[in-house]
Amino acid sequence: MKILLDEMYAGLKEYFETLGYEVLTAQEAGLKSAKDRDVVEYAGKNNLILVTQDQKPAELAELLGVKCVFISNLLIAKLVDEKIKLMFK
């Protein structure tokens, strides 16, 4: 699987590569400060899964049928809650 990390997640590239993913950052793709739609369209044209924390590109991805992982505050809260509960089992 190939993923495209939106600008705010460029620092996670090495982690995802360690997990076995082929990773491209928005910066490496020439998408630094690009419009959200351009980032989403690039991901779609190159069969990449977009990873973002911004709602607008996530919604555009859904509208355009582009695979996307939206790291929302709700998702983060659920992950932390799950980890905490596992600590006290």
N, C-alpha and C. Protein backbone atom coordinates (compact mmCIF):
# COMPACT_ATOMS: atom_id res chain seq x y z
N MET A 1 0.83 -1.18 0.00
CA MET A 1 0.00 0.00 0.00
C MET A 1 0.87 1.24 0.00
N LYS A 2 0.41 2.23 -0.72
CA LYS A 2 1.13 3.49 -0.81
C LYS A 2 0.28 4.58 -0.15
N ILE A 3 0.94 5.42 0.65
CA ILE A 3 0.20 6.49 1.29
C ILE A 3 0.84 7.84 0.99
N LEU A 4 0.00 8.87 0.99
CA LEU A 4 0.42 10.25 0.84
C LEU A 4 0.14 10.95 2.16
N LEU A 5 1.19 11.41 2.81
CA LEU A 5 1.03 12.13 4.07
C LEU A 5 0.84 13.61 3.77
N ASP A 6 -0.27 14.17 4.24
CA ASP A 6 -0.50 15.60 4.11
C ASP A 6 0.60 16.33 4.87
N GLU A 7 0.77 17.61 4.59
CA GLU A 7 1.91 18.37 5.11
C GLU A 7 2.17 18.21 6.60
N MET A 8 1.12 18.24 7.40
CA MET A 8 1.31 18.20 8.86
C MET A 8 1.84 16.87 9.36
N TYR A 9 1.80 15.83 8.53
CA TYR A 9 2.24 14.51 8.96
C TYR A 9 3.55 14.05 8.31
N ALA A 10 4.26 14.94 7.68
CA ALA A 10 5.52 14.58 7.02
C ALA A 10 6.49 13.92 8.00
N GLY A 11 6.47 14.33 9.25
CA GLY A 11 7.37 13.77 10.25
C GLY A 11 7.09 12.32 10.60
N LEU A 12 5.96 11.80 10.14
CA LEU A 12 5.61 10.40 10.42
C LEU A 12 6.08 9.44 9.34
N LYS A 13 6.71 9.98 8.31
CA LYS A 13 7.12 9.13 7.17
C LYS A 13 7.93 7.92 7.61
N GLU A 14 8.94 8.13 8.42
CA GLU A 14 9.82 7.03 8.84
C GLU A 14 9.05 5.96 9.62
N TYR A 15 8.08 6.38 10.42
CA TYR A 15 7.28 5.41 11.18
C TYR A 15 6.49 4.51 10.24
N PHE A 16 5.80 5.12 9.26
CA PHE A 16 5.01 4.33 8.33
C PHE A 16 5.88 3.44 7.46
N GLU A 17 7.06 3.93 7.07
CA GLU A 17 7.98 3.10 6.31
C GLU A 17 8.43 1.89 7.13
N THR A 18 8.67 2.12 8.42
CA THR A 18 9.06 1.03 9.31
C THR A 18 7.94 -0.01 9.42
N LEU A 19 6.71 0.45 9.32
CA LEU A 19 5.56 -0.46 9.37
C LEU A 19 5.31 -1.15 8.02
N GLY A 20 6.12 -0.83 7.02
CA GLY A 20 6.02 -1.51 5.74
C GLY A 20 5.30 -0.78 4.63
N TYR A 21 4.93 0.45 4.84
CA TYR A 21 4.22 1.22 3.82
C TYR A 21 5.20 1.94 2.90
N GLU A 22 4.80 2.13 1.67
CA GLU A 22 5.52 3.01 0.76
C GLU A 22 4.91 4.39 0.97
N VAL A 23 5.74 5.37 1.29
CA VAL A 23 5.24 6.67 1.74
C VAL A 23 5.80 7.81 0.90
N LEU A 24 4.92 8.74 0.59
CA LEU A 24 5.28 9.97 -0.07
C LEU A 24 4.66 11.11 0.74
N THR A 25 5.43 12.14 0.99
CA THR A 25 4.88 13.30 1.69
C THR A 25 4.38 14.31 0.65
N ALA A 26 3.47 15.15 1.07
CA ALA A 26 2.97 16.20 0.19
C ALA A 26 4.12 17.07 -0.31
N GLN A 27 5.08 17.33 0.57
CA GLN A 27 6.22 18.16 0.19
C GLN A 27 7.03 17.48 -0.91
N GLU A 28 7.28 16.18 -0.78
CA GLU A 28 8.05 15.45 -1.78
C GLU A 28 7.31 15.40 -3.12
N ALA A 29 5.99 15.42 -3.07
CA ALA A 29 5.18 15.36 -4.28
C ALA A 29 5.02 16.73 -4.94
N GLY A 30 5.67 17.76 -4.37
CA GLY A 30 5.55 19.11 -4.93
C GLY A 30 4.24 19.78 -4.57
N LEU A 31 3.63 19.33 -3.47
CA LEU A 31 2.33 19.85 -3.06
C LEU A 31 2.39 20.75 -1.82
N LYS A 32 3.56 21.27 -1.52
CA LYS A 32 3.69 22.17 -0.37
C LYS A 32 2.81 23.40 -0.61
N SER A 33 1.96 23.69 0.34
CA SER A 33 1.01 24.82 0.28
C SER A 33 0.02 24.70 -0.88
N ALA A 34 -0.18 23.50 -1.38
CA ALA A 34 -1.13 23.29 -2.49
C ALA A 34 -2.57 23.39 -1.98
N LYS A 35 -3.48 23.63 -2.88
CA LYS A 35 -4.90 23.64 -2.55
C LYS A 35 -5.32 22.23 -2.16
N ASP A 36 -6.28 22.15 -1.26
CA ASP A 36 -6.75 20.84 -0.79
C ASP A 36 -7.16 19.93 -1.94
N ARG A 37 -7.89 20.49 -2.88
CA ARG A 37 -8.36 19.68 -4.01
C ARG A 37 -7.19 19.12 -4.82
N ASP A 38 -6.13 19.91 -4.97
CA ASP A 38 -4.96 19.43 -5.71
C ASP A 38 -4.31 18.24 -5.01
N VAL A 39 -4.24 18.30 -3.69
CA VAL A 39 -3.66 17.21 -2.91
C VAL A 39 -4.51 15.95 -3.08
N VAL A 40 -5.81 16.11 -2.96
CA VAL A 40 -6.73 14.97 -3.09
C VAL A 40 -6.67 14.38 -4.49
N GLU A 41 -6.68 15.23 -5.51
CA GLU A 41 -6.62 14.74 -6.88
C GLU A 41 -5.30 14.02 -7.15
N TYR A 42 -4.20 14.52 -6.60
CA TYR A 42 -2.91 13.85 -6.76
C TYR A 42 -2.97 12.45 -6.16
N ALA A 43 -3.53 12.36 -4.96
CA ALA A 43 -3.66 11.05 -4.31
C ALA A 43 -4.49 10.11 -5.18
N GLY A 44 -5.59 10.60 -5.70
CA GLY A 44 -6.45 9.77 -6.53
C GLY A 44 -5.77 9.32 -7.82
N LYS A 45 -5.11 10.23 -8.50
CA LYS A 45 -4.45 9.91 -9.77
C LYS A 45 -3.30 8.93 -9.58
N ASN A 46 -2.68 8.95 -8.41
CA ASN A 46 -1.53 8.09 -8.16
C ASN A 46 -1.84 6.90 -7.26
N ASN A 47 -3.14 6.64 -7.07
CA ASN A 47 -3.61 5.50 -6.27
C ASN A 47 -2.95 5.47 -4.88
N LEU A 48 -2.96 6.61 -4.22
CA LEU A 48 -2.41 6.75 -2.88
C LEU A 48 -3.52 6.93 -1.87
N ILE A 49 -3.30 6.47 -0.66
CA ILE A 49 -4.23 6.71 0.44
C ILE A 49 -3.77 7.99 1.13
N LEU A 50 -4.62 8.98 1.16
CA LEU A 50 -4.30 10.26 1.79
C LEU A 50 -4.49 10.17 3.30
N VAL A 51 -3.50 10.61 4.05
CA VAL A 51 -3.59 10.68 5.51
C VAL A 51 -3.54 12.16 5.88
N THR A 52 -4.60 12.65 6.52
CA THR A 52 -4.72 14.08 6.83
C THR A 52 -5.43 14.30 8.15
N GLN A 53 -5.21 15.47 8.72
CA GLN A 53 -5.97 15.86 9.91
C GLN A 53 -6.97 16.97 9.58
N ASP A 54 -7.00 17.36 8.33
CA ASP A 54 -7.88 18.45 7.92
C ASP A 54 -9.18 17.90 7.35
N GLN A 55 -10.28 18.45 7.82
CA GLN A 55 -11.60 17.96 7.42
C GLN A 55 -11.89 18.19 5.95
N LYS A 56 -11.50 19.36 5.43
CA LYS A 56 -11.86 19.67 4.04
C LYS A 56 -11.28 18.67 3.04
N PRO A 57 -9.97 18.37 3.08
CA PRO A 57 -9.49 17.38 2.12
C PRO A 57 -10.10 16.00 2.34
N ALA A 58 -10.41 15.66 3.59
CA ALA A 58 -11.06 14.37 3.85
C ALA A 58 -12.43 14.33 3.19
N GLU A 59 -13.16 15.42 3.29
CA GLU A 59 -14.49 15.48 2.67
C GLU A 59 -14.39 15.49 1.14
N LEU A 60 -13.42 16.23 0.61
CA LEU A 60 -13.21 16.24 -0.84
C LEU A 60 -12.84 14.84 -1.33
N ALA A 61 -12.01 14.14 -0.56
CA ALA A 61 -11.63 12.77 -0.92
C ALA A 61 -12.87 11.89 -1.00
N GLU A 62 -13.76 12.03 -0.03
CA GLU A 62 -14.99 11.23 -0.05
C GLU A 62 -15.82 11.55 -1.28
N LEU A 63 -15.95 12.83 -1.59
CA LEU A 63 -16.72 13.23 -2.77
C LEU A 63 -16.12 12.71 -4.07
N LEU A 64 -14.79 12.67 -4.13
CA LEU A 64 -14.10 12.26 -5.35
C LEU A 64 -13.76 10.77 -5.39
N GLY A 65 -14.13 10.04 -4.32
CA GLY A 65 -13.87 8.61 -4.29
C GLY A 65 -12.40 8.26 -4.08
N VAL A 66 -11.67 9.14 -3.39
CA VAL A 66 -10.26 8.91 -3.10
C VAL A 66 -10.13 8.33 -1.70
N LYS A 67 -9.32 7.30 -1.55
CA LYS A 67 -9.13 6.69 -0.23
C LYS A 67 -8.43 7.68 0.69
N CYS A 68 -8.94 7.77 1.92
CA CYS A 68 -8.42 8.76 2.85
C CYS A 68 -8.59 8.29 4.28
N VAL A 69 -7.59 8.57 5.11
CA VAL A 69 -7.69 8.36 6.55
C VAL A 69 -7.69 9.74 7.19
N PHE A 70 -8.78 10.07 7.84
CA PHE A 70 -8.97 11.37 8.49
C PHE A 70 -8.66 11.22 9.97
N ILE A 71 -7.58 11.82 10.41
CA ILE A 71 -7.17 11.75 11.81
C ILE A 71 -7.82 12.92 12.55
N SER A 72 -9.05 12.72 12.97
CA SER A 72 -9.80 13.77 13.65
C SER A 72 -9.49 13.75 15.15
N ASN A 73 -9.87 14.82 15.82
CA ASN A 73 -9.73 14.86 17.27
C ASN A 73 -10.54 13.75 17.92
N LEU A 74 -11.69 13.43 17.35
CA LEU A 74 -12.52 12.35 17.87
C LEU A 74 -11.77 11.01 17.78
N LEU A 75 -11.13 10.76 16.66
CA LEU A 75 -10.38 9.52 16.49
C LEU A 75 -9.24 9.44 17.51
N ILE A 76 -8.53 10.53 17.70
CA ILE A 76 -7.44 10.56 18.68
C ILE A 76 -7.97 10.29 20.08
N ALA A 77 -9.07 10.93 20.43
CA ALA A 77 -9.66 10.72 21.76
C ALA A 77 -10.07 9.27 21.97
N LYS A 78 -10.65 8.65 20.95
CA LYS A 78 -11.05 7.24 21.05
C LYS A 78 -9.84 6.33 21.22
N LEU A 79 -8.77 6.60 20.49
CA LEU A 79 -7.56 5.79 20.61
C LEU A 79 -6.94 5.90 22.00
N VAL A 80 -6.90 7.12 22.52
CA VAL A 80 -6.35 7.33 23.86
C VAL A 80 -7.23 6.65 24.90
N ASP A 81 -8.53 6.79 24.77
CA ASP A 81 -9.47 6.15 25.69
C ASP A 81 -9.27 4.63 25.68
N GLU A 82 -9.13 4.06 24.51
CA GLU A 82 -8.92 2.62 24.39
C GLU A 82 -7.63 2.20 25.09
N LYS A 83 -6.56 2.94 24.87
CA LYS A 83 -5.26 2.63 25.50
C LYS A 83 -5.36 2.71 27.03
N ILE A 84 -6.01 3.74 27.53
CA ILE A 84 -6.17 3.92 28.97
C ILE A 84 -6.95 2.75 29.57
N LYS A 85 -8.04 2.39 28.92
CA LYS A 85 -8.87 1.28 29.42
C LYS A 85 -8.10 -0.02 29.41
N LEU A 86 -7.25 -0.24 28.41
CA LEU A 86 -6.44 -1.46 28.37
C LEU A 86 -5.41 -1.50 29.51
N MET A 87 -4.95 -0.35 29.94
CA MET A 87 -3.98 -0.27 31.04
C MET A 87 -4.58 -0.75 32.35
N PHE A 88 -5.89 -0.60 32.49
CA PHE A 88 -6.53 -0.91 33.77
C PHE A 88 -7.42 -2.14 33.69
N LYS A 89 -7.18 -3.00 32.74
CA LYS A 89 -7.92 -4.27 32.64
C LYS A 89 -7.33 -5.29 33.57
